[in-house]
Each structure stands twice: as C-alpha cells, then as structure tokens.
Amino acid sequence: MSLQKVIVTGGMGYIGSHTIVELINAGYHPIIIDNLSNSDRSVLEGLEAITGVKVPFEEIDLSDSKSTAQIFSKHADAIGVIHFAALKAVGESVEQPIRYYKNNIGSLVNVLEAMANLKIENFIFSSSCTVYGQPEKLPVTELSPTQPAISPYGNTKQVGEEIIRETCSTKSSELHTISLRYFNPIGAHNSALIGELPLGIPNNLLPYITQTAIGIREQLSVFGSDYNTPDGTAIRDYIHVVDLAEAHVVALTRLIQKQNKSNYEVFNLGTGQGNSVLEVIQSFEKTTGEKVNYKIVDRRPGDVEAVYADTTYAREELGWATKRNLDEMTASAWAWEKKLRG
C-alpha cells in the first residue's frame, strides 16, 4: 500500500516542520508548500536527519491563485491538507494590515478553492487562542465566546474560521475540517535539529529568553508586573511544540477515518494550566543553569492578562493530551539555541 499523501502548507515553519516529523512517524507522506518568507531552506536538512526521509518541497506563494491551483493539481492524490501558511506577527499586522489580509485570507481562499476543484476533503486549519481575546472566565472551552480581535493577525484567524465554517455548511461542500486553536507553543524537537527560528527580533517569549541567555540580546523585557496574577506577570498556556504536532496527526487521522461528529469541528490545544512569564524564566534558569538578564517594564498594549485552555474536549474526543512539561520545553529550546549558534 502506498503511503497517504498530505499537503502541508507552511511546512518549513516552526509548528509545520515539527508536524512533518510526526506525520512521517505515523506513516504519512507529507509534501511541503512554503514561500520561505519566514523560514529557511536548512529546515529540510534537519527533517531528513531526523526522519531519514527526503521530504518533497514546493516553493510557491499561496496568495497567487494560479500557482496554488497548479501545485495542488500536481498533488491531486493527496488525502488531506494541513494549512499552517500565514504571517503571524501581531505587531507587524497592526502596521501592515493589508499585507496580512492579502496573505492570510487570500492564501486560505486559494487553498480551499484548489481543494474543492480536486475533491480533496480533509482539512486541518491552524487557528489560535487569540480568537478568545481576554476571556470572561477561565479556563477557556471551545464554547467560550470569541471576542473582537485586537489585531489584524487575530482577525485573520477569526475570519479564516468563518470562511471555512461557511464553506463546510454549503449543501454542495465535501469539505471536512478541524480548526485547532493553539495556545502558546514553545520548545523544540529533542534532537535539537529543528526548532523555532525567528527571523530578526523574536516576538515570542522563549526565543527571546534563549537569545538573551546566549548573548544575542542584551536584556529581556517582562511586560507588566501588576496583573491580577500570583506573581503579577501575565499567564499563558505554554504547550510543547511536539505535543502540538502530534495533535495535528491525530486530528487528520480522525477526518480520514471519518470519526468526526460534524464536518466542522474546533479543538483547543493546550496543557490546561497557565504559567506566568516569571515561571517560564525560572524553569529556564533551573533546567539550563543559565541566568537570564531581565527587567520589568510597563505592560504592552493588547496583551491579555491570563489565558489557558480547558482540555477536556480534546482529551475525550480526540484522545489526545500533552505529555511534556514546562521544564522539558525550556530545556529543549536551550539545546536548539546552542545547536543553532554552535
């Protein structure tokens, strides 16, 4: 039996690359589509070193509808699509909203159109807990109300979900979709051969910690110490990127095996517990023996005080739960940072 082919858009990126490894581990045959706007070709070497498989890679821009149609036609025998490809920097999206809508929404529409034309039915959408905004109550369930987005990036995830939901609800649609709303992925593969590779100044906490510890950044700014949390710093639900990658494989298999309860489902992916910024720094210092030079500064506009997931539904319906703890996340991120600079 030939391996089932899966198209992975944005497969050279942080979460995408880790998902490629897990797809191969599960016996799938992934095809990467990526324009390398926020990733590097060297990721392919890491993937091959980990898996022993040379992963096919198509370098195209999915916001070009003609190129998208052509490349999907080339892989018309794909059993499903996992769609990561998107610009994702919140601050940048505020400065360049048109670019974000054109890229994130335009590429999604092109991918859905190509899938419909080729009758590819199974679709996993990379969504985000940003759709919940500042939740009225914690933990956040899949039924928690979505709030007006506080950035164009967040809005592209909300609008993306709406486009998919409406597409799935048409009488003629054969599309079966699971939207996965991630909380805060951190860490790296335990081989230290792939990991988070921010271009320029990192937008996320852990790469900033590792770059500060290794001497690339002078100091880490902790935004706000007066939140209504145990230590005053903001709380997030940090999830190991490999746990997150494994969830994509579980979700895709659910669709392929037709175990989904409806043709549009949503799952929160988190650990179910929150950690503060200071707790992440403390975990990093404990697991690595490195001190982090940080200072407390004013709150950052648009930051949510606390958000973490209720993981009951994902555990009961998907049969998936996280296995890796915060110390494993921070230790693996440091191993990757050292490998990168070595």
Protein backbone atom coordinates (compact mmCIF):
# COMPACT_ATOMS: atom_id res chain seq x y z
CA MET A 1 0.00 0.00 0.00
CA SER A 2 1.39 3.41 -0.95
CA LEU A 3 1.71 5.99 1.79
CA GLN A 4 -1.12 8.53 2.05
CA LYS A 5 -0.01 11.90 0.75
CA VAL A 6 -0.67 15.01 2.86
CA ILE A 7 -0.07 18.58 1.68
CA VAL A 8 1.40 20.75 4.46
CA THR A 9 1.36 24.47 3.70
CA GLY A 10 3.89 26.45 5.71
CA GLY A 11 5.62 23.15 6.43
CA MET A 12 9.05 24.79 6.71
CA GLY A 13 7.90 26.89 9.68
CA TYR A 14 8.16 26.20 13.38
CA ILE A 15 4.99 24.17 14.01
CA GLY A 16 4.82 22.92 10.42
CA SER A 17 8.29 21.35 10.49
CA HIS A 18 7.61 19.50 13.76
CA THR A 19 4.31 18.26 12.29
CA ILE A 20 6.17 16.93 9.22
CA VAL A 21 8.25 14.72 11.55
CA GLU A 22 5.15 13.38 13.32
CA LEU A 23 3.34 12.73 10.02
CA ILE A 24 6.28 10.66 8.81
CA ASN A 25 6.40 8.83 12.16
CA ALA A 26 2.71 8.00 11.69
CA GLY A 27 3.26 6.61 8.18
CA TYR A 28 2.06 9.55 6.07
CA HIS A 29 3.85 11.05 3.07
CA PRO A 30 3.97 14.85 3.55
CA ILE A 31 4.52 17.39 0.77
CA ILE A 32 5.71 20.84 1.92
CA ILE A 33 4.44 24.01 0.26
CA ASP A 34 6.13 27.18 1.55
CA ASN A 35 7.32 30.52 0.18
CA LEU A 36 10.19 30.75 2.73
CA SER A 37 9.02 34.23 3.81
CA ASN A 38 9.51 33.33 7.46
CA SER A 39 11.55 30.12 7.32
CA ASP A 40 14.78 28.73 5.98
CA ARG A 41 15.69 26.04 3.45
CA SER A 42 18.06 24.47 6.02
CA VAL A 43 14.96 23.06 7.79
CA LEU A 44 14.86 20.36 5.09
CA GLU A 45 18.25 19.06 6.23
CA GLY A 46 17.02 18.84 9.82
CA LEU A 47 13.89 16.97 8.74
CA GLU A 48 15.90 14.48 6.70
CA ALA A 49 18.41 13.94 9.52
CA ILE A 50 15.59 13.20 11.99
CA THR A 51 13.39 11.02 9.77
CA GLY A 52 15.73 9.59 7.15
CA VAL A 53 13.21 10.81 4.56
CA LYS A 54 13.81 13.41 1.86
CA VAL A 55 10.64 15.46 2.12
CA PRO A 56 9.34 16.90 -1.19
CA PHE A 57 9.29 20.71 -1.12
CA GLU A 58 7.43 23.10 -3.43
CA GLU A 59 8.45 26.75 -3.14
CA ILE A 60 5.44 28.83 -4.14
CA ASP A 61 3.36 31.70 -2.77
CA LEU A 62 -0.16 30.52 -1.95
CA SER A 63 -1.56 34.04 -2.27
CA ASP A 64 -1.05 33.52 -6.04
CA SER A 65 -4.18 31.61 -7.09
CA LYS A 66 -2.72 30.31 -10.37
CA SER A 67 0.40 28.86 -8.72
CA THR A 68 -1.73 27.34 -5.97
CA ALA A 69 -4.04 25.63 -8.47
CA GLN A 70 -1.08 24.27 -10.44
CA ILE A 71 0.80 22.85 -7.47
CA PHE A 72 -2.32 21.28 -5.97
CA SER A 73 -3.12 19.66 -9.34
CA LYS A 74 0.36 18.13 -9.26
CA HIS A 75 -0.55 16.53 -5.91
CA ALA A 76 -4.21 15.81 -6.67
CA ASP A 77 -3.94 12.39 -4.99
CA ALA A 78 -3.42 13.99 -1.56
CA ILE A 79 -5.72 12.63 1.15
CA GLY A 80 -5.75 15.92 3.08
CA VAL A 81 -4.25 19.33 3.70
CA ILE A 82 -2.82 20.86 6.88
CA HIS A 83 -2.79 24.64 6.47
CA PHE A 84 -0.17 26.49 8.53
CA ALA A 85 0.93 29.07 5.96
CA ALA A 86 0.28 32.55 7.39
CA LEU A 87 2.05 35.67 8.54
CA LYS A 88 1.86 35.71 12.34
CA ALA A 89 3.49 38.74 13.99
CA VAL A 90 0.82 40.65 15.91
CA GLY A 91 2.69 43.98 15.99
CA GLU A 92 3.60 43.79 12.31
CA SER A 93 -0.04 43.07 11.43
CA VAL A 94 -1.08 46.34 13.11
CA GLU A 95 1.43 48.20 10.90
CA GLN A 96 0.65 46.26 7.70
CA PRO A 97 -2.99 45.11 7.83
CA ILE A 98 -3.45 44.90 4.04
CA ARG A 99 -0.42 42.62 3.70
CA TYR A 100 -1.83 40.34 6.41
CA TYR A 101 -5.31 40.11 4.90
CA LYS A 102 -3.97 39.56 1.39
CA ASN A 103 -1.60 36.83 2.54
CA ASN A 104 -3.55 35.03 5.28
CA ILE A 105 -7.07 35.28 3.85
CA GLY A 106 -6.06 35.22 0.19
CA SER A 107 -3.97 32.07 0.57
CA LEU A 108 -6.72 30.33 2.57
CA VAL A 109 -9.30 31.05 -0.13
CA ASN A 110 -6.93 29.81 -2.85
CA VAL A 111 -6.21 26.60 -0.94
CA LEU A 112 -9.92 25.91 -0.31
CA GLU A 113 -10.71 26.56 -3.98
CA ALA A 114 -7.95 24.21 -5.16
CA MET A 115 -9.15 21.52 -2.74
CA ALA A 116 -12.76 21.85 -3.93
CA ASN A 117 -11.72 21.56 -7.58
CA LEU A 118 -9.74 18.39 -6.87
CA LYS A 119 -12.24 16.98 -4.35
CA ILE A 120 -9.67 16.81 -1.53
CA GLU A 121 -11.95 16.54 1.50
CA ASN A 122 -9.87 16.64 4.70
CA PHE A 123 -8.59 19.96 6.04
CA ILE A 124 -6.80 20.92 9.26
CA PHE A 125 -6.69 24.67 9.93
CA SER A 126 -4.06 26.27 12.12
CA SER A 127 -6.06 28.64 14.32
CA SER A 128 -5.26 30.40 17.58
CA CYS A 129 -6.48 31.10 21.08
CA THR A 130 -6.28 34.79 20.10
CA VAL A 131 -9.88 34.34 18.90
CA TYR A 132 -10.95 34.34 22.59
CA GLY A 133 -9.37 37.74 23.33
CA GLN A 134 -9.41 38.46 27.08
CA PRO A 135 -11.72 35.64 28.22
CA GLU A 136 -14.56 36.44 30.59
CA LYS A 137 -13.81 33.27 32.55
CA LEU A 138 -11.05 30.69 32.72
CA PRO A 139 -10.23 28.08 31.63
CA VAL A 140 -11.32 28.65 28.04
CA THR A 141 -13.54 25.98 26.48
CA GLU A 142 -14.39 25.54 22.80
CA LEU A 143 -17.77 27.13 23.63
CA SER A 144 -16.23 30.26 25.18
CA PRO A 145 -17.34 33.34 23.23
CA THR A 146 -14.90 34.74 20.72
CA GLN A 147 -14.08 38.40 21.28
CA PRO A 148 -13.46 41.15 18.72
CA ALA A 149 -9.88 40.66 17.57
CA ILE A 150 -7.29 43.07 18.95
CA SER A 151 -5.02 42.82 15.89
CA PRO A 152 -5.36 42.21 12.15
CA TYR A 153 -3.45 38.93 12.69
CA GLY A 154 -6.03 37.76 15.23
CA ASN A 155 -8.80 38.85 12.90
CA THR A 156 -7.38 36.77 10.03
CA LYS A 157 -7.77 33.70 12.25
CA GLN A 158 -11.37 34.61 13.12
CA VAL A 159 -12.30 35.44 9.53
CA GLY A 160 -10.47 32.31 8.37
CA GLU A 161 -12.57 30.16 10.69
CA GLU A 162 -15.74 31.88 9.46
CA ILE A 163 -14.83 31.28 5.79
CA ILE A 164 -14.18 27.60 6.49
CA ARG A 165 -17.32 27.17 8.60
CA GLU A 166 -19.49 28.76 5.90
CA THR A 167 -17.82 26.66 3.21
CA CYS A 168 -18.45 23.48 5.20
CA SER A 169 -22.13 24.41 5.69
CA THR A 170 -23.00 24.65 1.97
CA LYS A 171 -25.02 21.78 0.53
CA SER A 172 -22.50 21.06 -2.20
CA SER A 173 -19.41 21.09 0.04
CA GLU A 174 -17.49 17.87 0.63
CA LEU A 175 -15.07 19.63 2.98
CA HIS A 176 -14.41 18.15 6.42
CA THR A 177 -12.43 20.48 8.66
CA ILE A 178 -10.94 20.61 12.12
CA SER A 179 -9.79 24.01 13.37
CA LEU A 180 -7.10 23.67 16.01
CA ARG A 181 -6.88 26.66 18.33
CA TYR A 182 -3.36 26.64 19.76
CA PHE A 183 -2.32 28.25 22.94
CA ASN A 184 1.43 29.08 23.23
CA PRO A 185 3.76 26.61 21.52
CA ILE A 186 7.36 26.59 22.75
CA GLY A 187 10.30 24.18 22.88
CA ALA A 188 11.98 22.18 20.15
CA HIS A 189 12.46 18.63 18.87
CA ASN A 190 14.58 16.59 21.28
CA SER A 191 17.19 16.05 18.54
CA ALA A 192 17.88 19.82 18.51
CA LEU A 193 17.83 19.53 14.70
CA ILE A 194 14.70 21.67 14.25
CA GLY A 195 13.14 24.36 16.43
CA GLU A 196 11.80 27.90 16.45
CA LEU A 197 13.78 30.05 14.02
CA PRO A 198 12.62 33.65 14.37
CA LEU A 199 13.90 35.98 11.66
CA GLY A 200 15.03 39.24 13.27
CA ILE A 201 13.93 40.17 16.79
CA PRO A 202 11.74 37.42 18.29
CA ASN A 203 8.09 38.19 19.01
CA ASN A 204 7.72 35.29 21.41
CA LEU A 205 8.96 34.89 24.98
CA LEU A 206 11.10 31.76 24.90
CA PRO A 207 13.26 32.59 21.84
CA TYR A 208 13.87 35.98 23.46
CA ILE A 209 14.93 34.22 26.67
CA THR A 210 17.30 31.85 24.85
CA GLN A 211 18.76 34.64 22.71
CA THR A 212 19.33 36.76 25.82
CA ALA A 213 20.97 33.87 27.66
CA ILE A 214 23.32 33.16 24.76
CA GLY A 215 24.24 36.83 24.38
CA ILE A 216 22.45 37.87 21.19
CA ARG A 217 20.01 40.12 23.06
CA GLU A 218 21.18 42.34 25.88
CA GLN A 219 18.12 42.12 28.08
CA LEU A 220 14.65 40.58 28.20
CA SER A 221 11.76 42.93 28.91
CA VAL A 222 8.99 41.48 31.07
CA PHE A 223 5.89 43.46 30.16
CA GLY A 224 3.96 44.26 33.32
CA SER A 225 4.23 43.05 36.91
CA ASP A 226 0.93 44.44 38.18
CA TYR A 227 -1.50 41.96 36.64
CA ASN A 228 -4.01 40.24 38.90
CA THR A 229 -1.96 37.01 38.91
CA PRO A 230 0.04 35.29 41.69
CA ASP A 231 3.34 36.96 40.75
CA GLY A 232 1.93 39.93 38.85
CA THR A 233 3.14 38.79 35.39
CA ALA A 234 0.92 37.63 32.54
CA ILE A 235 -0.13 33.98 32.37
CA ARG A 236 -0.23 31.80 29.24
CA ASP A 237 -0.79 28.14 28.48
CA TYR A 238 2.59 27.00 27.12
CA ILE A 239 2.49 23.78 25.10
CA HIS A 240 5.44 21.76 23.80
CA VAL A 241 5.58 22.05 20.01
CA VAL A 242 5.95 18.26 19.63
CA ASP A 243 2.75 17.66 21.63
CA LEU A 244 1.09 20.19 19.33
CA ALA A 245 2.48 18.47 16.22
CA GLU A 246 1.16 15.11 17.42
CA ALA A 247 -2.32 16.63 17.81
CA HIS A 248 -2.35 17.55 14.09
CA VAL A 249 -1.71 13.94 13.14
CA VAL A 250 -4.46 12.74 15.49
CA ALA A 251 -6.91 15.30 14.05
CA LEU A 252 -6.08 14.42 10.44
CA THR A 253 -6.46 10.70 11.13
CA ARG A 254 -9.84 11.42 12.75
CA LEU A 255 -11.05 13.01 9.49
CA ILE A 256 -9.55 10.33 7.22
CA GLN A 257 -11.20 7.59 9.30
CA LYS A 258 -14.47 9.58 9.29
CA GLN A 259 -14.70 9.69 13.08
CA ASN A 260 -15.63 13.40 13.12
CA LYS A 261 -19.04 14.25 14.59
CA SER A 262 -19.70 17.06 12.10
CA ASN A 263 -17.95 18.44 9.04
CA TYR A 264 -16.62 21.41 11.05
CA GLU A 265 -15.06 20.83 14.45
CA VAL A 266 -12.97 23.01 16.78
CA PHE A 267 -10.48 21.90 19.44
CA ASN A 268 -8.38 23.84 21.94
CA LEU A 269 -4.80 22.64 22.14
CA GLY A 270 -3.07 23.46 25.42
CA THR A 271 -1.89 21.83 28.62
CA GLY A 272 -4.83 23.04 30.68
CA GLN A 273 -2.67 25.06 33.04
CA GLY A 274 -1.19 28.51 32.90
CA ASN A 275 2.35 29.59 33.66
CA SER A 276 3.46 33.15 34.29
CA VAL A 277 6.30 34.87 32.47
CA LEU A 278 8.44 34.66 35.62
CA GLU A 279 7.70 30.93 35.98
CA VAL A 280 8.98 30.35 32.43
CA ILE A 281 12.17 32.29 33.23
CA GLN A 282 12.61 30.33 36.47
CA SER A 283 12.12 26.99 34.65
CA PHE A 284 14.70 28.02 32.05
CA GLU A 285 17.23 29.01 34.70
CA LYS A 286 16.64 25.76 36.58
CA THR A 287 16.95 23.41 33.59
CA THR A 288 19.92 25.15 31.96
CA GLY A 289 21.90 26.69 34.82
CA GLU A 290 21.90 29.97 32.86
CA LYS A 291 20.84 33.31 34.36
CA VAL A 292 18.50 35.50 32.31
CA ASN A 293 19.11 39.25 32.36
CA TYR A 294 15.60 40.69 32.50
CA LYS A 295 13.87 43.83 33.68
CA ILE A 296 10.25 44.59 34.47
CA VAL A 297 8.78 47.25 32.18
CA ASP A 298 5.30 48.65 31.58
CA ARG A 299 2.52 46.49 30.22
CA ARG A 300 2.40 46.08 26.46
CA PRO A 301 -0.77 47.31 24.70
CA GLY A 302 -3.03 44.49 23.56
CA ASP A 303 -1.61 41.86 25.94
CA VAL A 304 -4.15 39.64 27.68
CA GLU A 305 -3.75 39.19 31.46
CA ALA A 306 -4.27 35.43 31.56
CA VAL A 307 -5.47 32.70 29.23
CA TYR A 308 -5.30 28.93 29.43
CA ALA A 309 -7.28 26.06 27.96
CA ASP A 310 -9.86 23.63 29.20
CA THR A 311 -8.50 20.48 27.57
CA THR A 312 -11.42 18.16 28.40
CA TYR A 313 -12.94 18.11 24.92
CA ALA A 314 -9.65 17.41 23.11
CA ARG A 315 -8.87 14.64 25.59
CA GLU A 316 -12.29 12.99 25.35
CA GLU A 317 -12.98 13.47 21.63
CA LEU A 318 -9.52 13.34 20.07
CA GLY A 319 -7.99 11.06 22.66
CA TRP A 320 -5.07 13.49 22.79
CA ALA A 321 -3.34 15.14 25.74
CA THR A 322 0.03 16.78 26.27
CA LYS A 323 2.88 14.63 27.62
CA ARG A 324 5.72 17.13 28.06
CA ASN A 325 6.11 19.61 30.93
CA LEU A 326 7.44 23.17 31.14
CA ASP A 327 10.96 22.08 32.15
CA GLU A 328 11.17 19.86 29.05
CA MET A 329 10.01 22.81 26.93
CA THR A 330 12.64 25.23 28.26
CA ALA A 331 15.47 22.65 28.21
CA SER A 332 14.75 21.66 24.59
CA ALA A 333 14.59 25.30 23.49
CA TRP A 334 18.05 25.90 25.00
CA ALA A 335 19.52 22.79 23.33
CA TRP A 336 18.19 24.09 20.00
CA GLU A 337 19.56 27.62 20.59
CA LYS A 338 23.02 26.21 21.39
CA LYS A 339 22.93 23.97 18.28
CA LEU A 340 21.95 26.97 16.18
CA ARG A 341 24.86 29.08 17.40
CA GLY A 342 27.34 26.18 17.55
